[in-house]
C-alpha atoms as a PDB file:
ATOM      1  CA  UNK A   1      34.831 107.937   7.892  1.00  0.00           C
ATOM      2  CA  UNK A   2      31.147 107.960   8.773  1.00  0.00           C
ATOM      3  CA  UNK A   3      30.152 109.313  12.143  1.00  0.00           C
ATOM      4  CA  UNK A   4      27.156 108.955  14.361  1.00  0.00           C
ATOM      5  CA  UNK A   5      25.131 112.034  15.095  1.00  0.00           C
ATOM      6  CA  UNK A   6      22.381 111.911  17.713  1.00  0.00           C
ATOM      7  CA  UNK A   7      19.308 114.006  17.048  1.00  0.00           C
ATOM      8  CA  UNK A   8      18.492 113.548  20.752  1.00  0.00           C
ATOM      9  CA  UNK A   9      20.957 112.229  23.306  1.00  0.00           C
ATOM     10  CA  UNK A  10      20.098 108.689  24.533  1.00  0.00           C
ATOM     11  CA  UNK A  11      19.910 109.779  28.182  1.00  0.00           C
ATOM     12  CA  UNK A  12      17.129 112.232  27.247  1.00  0.00           C
ATOM     13  CA  UNK A  13      15.077 109.708  25.252  1.00  0.00           C
ATOM     14  CA  UNK A  14      15.490 106.534  27.328  1.00  0.00           C
ATOM     15  CA  UNK A  15      13.272 107.426  30.349  1.00  0.00           C
ATOM     16  CA  UNK A  16      10.355 108.440  28.097  1.00  0.00           C
ATOM     17  CA  UNK A  17      10.753 105.364  25.884  1.00  0.00           C
ATOM     18  CA  UNK A  18      11.007 103.030  28.866  1.00  0.00           C
ATOM     19  CA  UNK A  19       7.928 104.559  30.483  1.00  0.00           C
ATOM     20  CA  UNK A  20       5.972 104.196  27.247  1.00  0.00           C
ATOM     21  CA  UNK A  21       7.071 100.568  26.864  1.00  0.00           C
ATOM     22  CA  UNK A  22       6.081  99.672  30.455  1.00  0.00           C
ATOM     23  CA  UNK A  23       2.718 101.375  29.980  1.00  0.00           C
ATOM     24  CA  UNK A  24       2.103  99.383  26.786  1.00  0.00           C
ATOM     25  CA  UNK A  25       3.006  96.114  28.535  1.00  0.00           C
ATOM     26  CA  UNK A  26       0.650  96.895  31.418  1.00  0.00           C
ATOM     27  CA  UNK A  27      -2.207  97.703  29.043  1.00  0.00           C
ATOM     28  CA  UNK A  28      -1.518  94.489  27.146  1.00  0.00           C
ATOM     29  CA  UNK A  29      -1.485  92.304  30.259  1.00  0.00           C
ATOM     30  CA  UNK A  30      -4.656  94.007  31.500  1.00  0.00           C
ATOM     31  CA  UNK A  31      -6.307  93.287  28.152  1.00  0.00           C
ATOM     32  CA  UNK A  32      -5.307  89.624  28.310  1.00  0.00           C
ATOM     33  CA  UNK A  33      -6.793  89.324  31.796  1.00  0.00           C
ATOM     34  CA  UNK A  34      -9.983  91.103  30.689  1.00  0.00           C
ATOM     35  CA  UNK A  35     -10.266  88.678  27.777  1.00  0.00           C
ATOM     36  CA  UNK A  36      -9.999  85.574  29.997  1.00  0.00           C
ATOM     37  CA  UNK A  37     -12.025  86.671  33.069  1.00  0.00           C
ATOM     38  CA  UNK A  38     -15.528  85.952  31.657  1.00  0.00           C
ATOM     39  CA  UNK A  39     -14.436  82.596  30.238  1.00  0.00           C
ATOM     40  CA  UNK A  40     -12.916  81.565  33.576  1.00  0.00           C
ATOM     41  CA  UNK A  41     -16.086  82.556  35.420  1.00  0.00           C
ATOM     42  CA  UNK A  42     -18.288  80.590  33.009  1.00  0.00           C
ATOM     43  CA  UNK A  43     -15.976  77.579  33.268  1.00  0.00           C
ATOM     44  CA  UNK A  44     -16.103  77.616  37.069  1.00  0.00           C
ATOM     45  CA  UNK A  45     -19.893  77.854  37.074  1.00  0.00           C
ATOM     46  CA  UNK A  46     -20.211  75.063  34.529  1.00  0.00           C
ATOM     47  CA  UNK A  47     -17.689  72.693  36.092  1.00  0.00           C
ATOM     48  CA  UNK A  48     -18.483  72.911  39.795  1.00  0.00           C
ATOM     49  CA  UNK A  49     -18.653  69.498  41.425  1.00  0.00           C
ATOM     50  CA  UNK A  50     -20.953  70.107  44.383  1.00  0.00           C
ATOM     51  CA  UNK A  51     -24.719  69.550  44.394  1.00  0.00           C
ATOM     52  CA  UNK A  52     -26.305  72.938  43.858  1.00  0.00           C
ATOM     53  CA  UNK A  53     -29.067  73.213  46.450  1.00  0.00           C
ATOM     54  CA  UNK A  54     -29.755  76.957  46.585  1.00  0.00           C
ATOM     55  CA  UNK A  55     -27.742  78.227  43.584  1.00  0.00           C
ATOM     56  CA  UNK A  56     -26.140  80.818  45.888  1.00  0.00           C
ATOM     57  CA  UNK A  57     -22.663  79.315  45.631  1.00  0.00           C
ATOM     58  CA  UNK A  58     -22.762  79.017  41.845  1.00  0.00           C
ATOM     59  CA  UNK A  59     -24.141  82.524  41.354  1.00  0.00           C
ATOM     60  CA  UNK A  60     -21.462  83.911  43.643  1.00  0.00           C
ATOM     61  CA  UNK A  61     -18.535  82.427  41.709  1.00  0.00           C
ATOM     62  CA  UNK A  62     -16.743  85.179  39.880  1.00  0.00           C
ATOM     63  CA  UNK A  63     -13.632  86.105  37.985  1.00  0.00           C
ATOM     64  CA  UNK A  64     -12.682  89.755  37.816  1.00  0.00           C
ATOM     65  CA  UNK A  65      -9.733  91.912  36.849  1.00  0.00           C
ATOM     66  CA  UNK A  66      -8.471  94.566  39.251  1.00  0.00           C
ATOM     67  CA  UNK A  67      -8.148  97.413  38.488  1.00  0.00           C
ATOM     68  CA  UNK A  68     -11.251  97.502  36.317  1.00  0.00           C
ATOM     69  CA  UNK A  69      -9.741  99.623  33.529  1.00  0.00           C
ATOM     70  CA  UNK A  70      -6.282  99.741  31.998  1.00  0.00           C
ATOM     71  CA  UNK A  71      -6.150 103.481  32.741  1.00  0.00           C
ATOM     72  CA  UNK A  72      -6.127 102.691  36.473  1.00  0.00           C
ATOM     73  CA  UNK A  73      -3.192 100.266  36.284  1.00  0.00           C
ATOM     74  CA  UNK A  74      -0.244 101.480  38.313  1.00  0.00           C
ATOM     75  CA  UNK A  75       1.849  98.467  39.346  1.00  0.00           C
ATOM     76  CA  UNK A  76      -0.321  95.425  39.972  1.00  0.00           C
ATOM     77  CA  UNK A  77      -2.911  93.692  37.832  1.00  0.00           C
ATOM     78  CA  UNK A  78      -4.924  90.974  39.573  1.00  0.00           C
ATOM     79  CA  UNK A  79      -7.087  88.332  37.952  1.00  0.00           C
ATOM     80  CA  UNK A  80      -9.289  87.348  40.887  1.00  0.00           C
ATOM     81  CA  UNK A  81     -11.227  84.078  41.005  1.00  0.00           C
ATOM     82  CA  UNK A  82     -13.357  83.547  44.074  1.00  0.00           C
ATOM     83  CA  UNK A  83     -16.616  82.770  45.849  1.00  0.00           C
ATOM     84  CA  UNK A  84     -18.737  85.466  47.429  1.00  0.00           C
ATOM     85  CA  UNK A  85     -20.536  83.086  49.804  1.00  0.00           C
ATOM     86  CA  UNK A  86     -19.075  82.701  53.274  1.00  0.00           C
ATOM     87  CA  UNK A  87     -18.831  78.930  52.985  1.00  0.00           C
ATOM     88  CA  UNK A  88     -16.853  79.121  49.724  1.00  0.00           C
ATOM     89  CA  UNK A  89     -13.600  78.524  51.606  1.00  0.00           C
ATOM     90  CA  UNK A  90     -15.034  75.216  52.861  1.00  0.00           C
ATOM     91  CA  UNK A  91     -16.027  74.204  49.330  1.00  0.00           C
ATOM     92  CA  UNK A  92     -12.435  74.887  48.317  1.00  0.00           C
ATOM     93  CA  UNK A  93     -11.302  72.572  51.104  1.00  0.00           C
ATOM     94  CA  UNK A  94      -9.951  75.061  53.633  1.00  0.00           C
ATOM     95  CA  UNK A  95     -10.871  75.698  57.241  1.00  0.00           C
ATOM     96  CA  UNK A  96     -10.172  79.334  58.156  1.00  0.00           C
ATOM     97  CA  UNK A  97     -10.620  78.510  61.844  1.00  0.00           C
ATOM     98  CA  UNK A  98      -7.480  76.392  61.727  1.00  0.00           C
ATOM     99  CA  UNK A  99      -5.144  78.625  59.754  1.00  0.00           C
ATOM    100  CA  UNK A 100      -6.631  77.734  56.376  1.00  0.00           C
ATOM    101  CA  UNK A 101      -5.568  74.134  56.847  1.00  0.00           C
ATOM    102  CA  UNK A 102      -7.105  71.547  54.539  1.00  0.00           C
ATOM    103  CA  UNK A 103     -10.349  70.068  55.811  1.00  0.00           C
ATOM    104  CA  UNK A 104     -10.825  66.321  56.033  1.00  0.00           C
ATOM    105  CA  UNK A 105     -12.664  66.443  52.694  1.00  0.00           C
ATOM    106  CA  UNK A 106      -9.658  68.181  51.193  1.00  0.00           C
ATOM    107  CA  UNK A 107     -10.434  69.881  47.916  1.00  0.00           C
ATOM    108  CA  UNK A 108     -13.219  67.484  46.911  1.00  0.00           C
ATOM    109  CA  UNK A 109     -15.555  70.367  46.024  1.00  0.00           C
ATOM    110  CA  UNK A 110     -12.925  72.875  44.899  1.00  0.00           C
ATOM    111  CA  UNK A 111     -13.440  74.830  41.702  1.00  0.00           C
ATOM    112  CA  UNK A 112     -11.211  77.909  42.053  1.00  0.00           C
ATOM    113  CA  UNK A 113      -7.958  75.963  42.347  1.00  0.00           C
ATOM    114  CA  UNK A 114      -8.807  73.678  39.385  1.00  0.00           C
ATOM    115  CA  UNK A 115      -9.714  76.788  37.366  1.00  0.00           C
ATOM    116  CA  UNK A 116      -6.333  78.274  38.196  1.00  0.00           C
ATOM    117  CA  UNK A 117      -4.579  75.060  37.154  1.00  0.00           C
ATOM    118  CA  UNK A 118      -6.577  74.901  33.908  1.00  0.00           C
ATOM    119  CA  UNK A 119      -6.358  78.545  32.839  1.00  0.00           C
ATOM    120  CA  UNK A 120      -2.933  79.673  34.102  1.00  0.00           C
ATOM    121  CA  UNK A 121      -1.043  78.167  31.120  1.00  0.00           C
ATOM    122  CA  UNK A 122      -3.548  79.684  28.667  1.00  0.00           C
ATOM    123  CA  UNK A 123      -3.401  83.153  30.211  1.00  0.00           C
ATOM    124  CA  UNK A 124       0.383  82.990  30.460  1.00  0.00           C
ATOM    125  CA  UNK A 125       0.659  81.936  26.801  1.00  0.00           C
ATOM    126  CA  UNK A 126      -1.337  85.019  25.818  1.00  0.00           C
ATOM    127  CA  UNK A 127       0.875  87.234  27.976  1.00  0.00           C
ATOM    128  CA  UNK A 128       3.980  85.737  26.366  1.00  0.00           C
ATOM    129  CA  UNK A 129       2.509  86.350  22.901  1.00  0.00           C
ATOM    130  CA  UNK A 130       2.538  90.079  23.670  1.00  0.00           C
ATOM    131  CA  UNK A 131       6.318  89.954  23.401  1.00  0.00           C
ATOM    132  CA  UNK A 132       6.594  88.201  20.057  1.00  0.00           C
END
């Protein structure tokens, strides 16, 4: 009868293997976000719907991954899409003076929310492909 002999007991190997796996997943997700961030930013700048009078709003659109490097990833990876101009929230259709309620123009000039709707399935598909 054949027996099973462990070269290392499972309880000694599992924590190290699990930690390595989680670290690899985090690096992979960070890489996916880094890959998409410039494309999202370019898409937002190219597909804005407002009339660009000063170019401040367009130049301030950005997409960025936090933390900046995979080595800094601890628990959370954020793919941030935003405006840097103060009136960006109004372009997105929100009034911060009234609890971020929709303005009467709604999201007529929004670009961040449409970018999220457009790119979320693409980014998520890439994340899912990490596990195939």
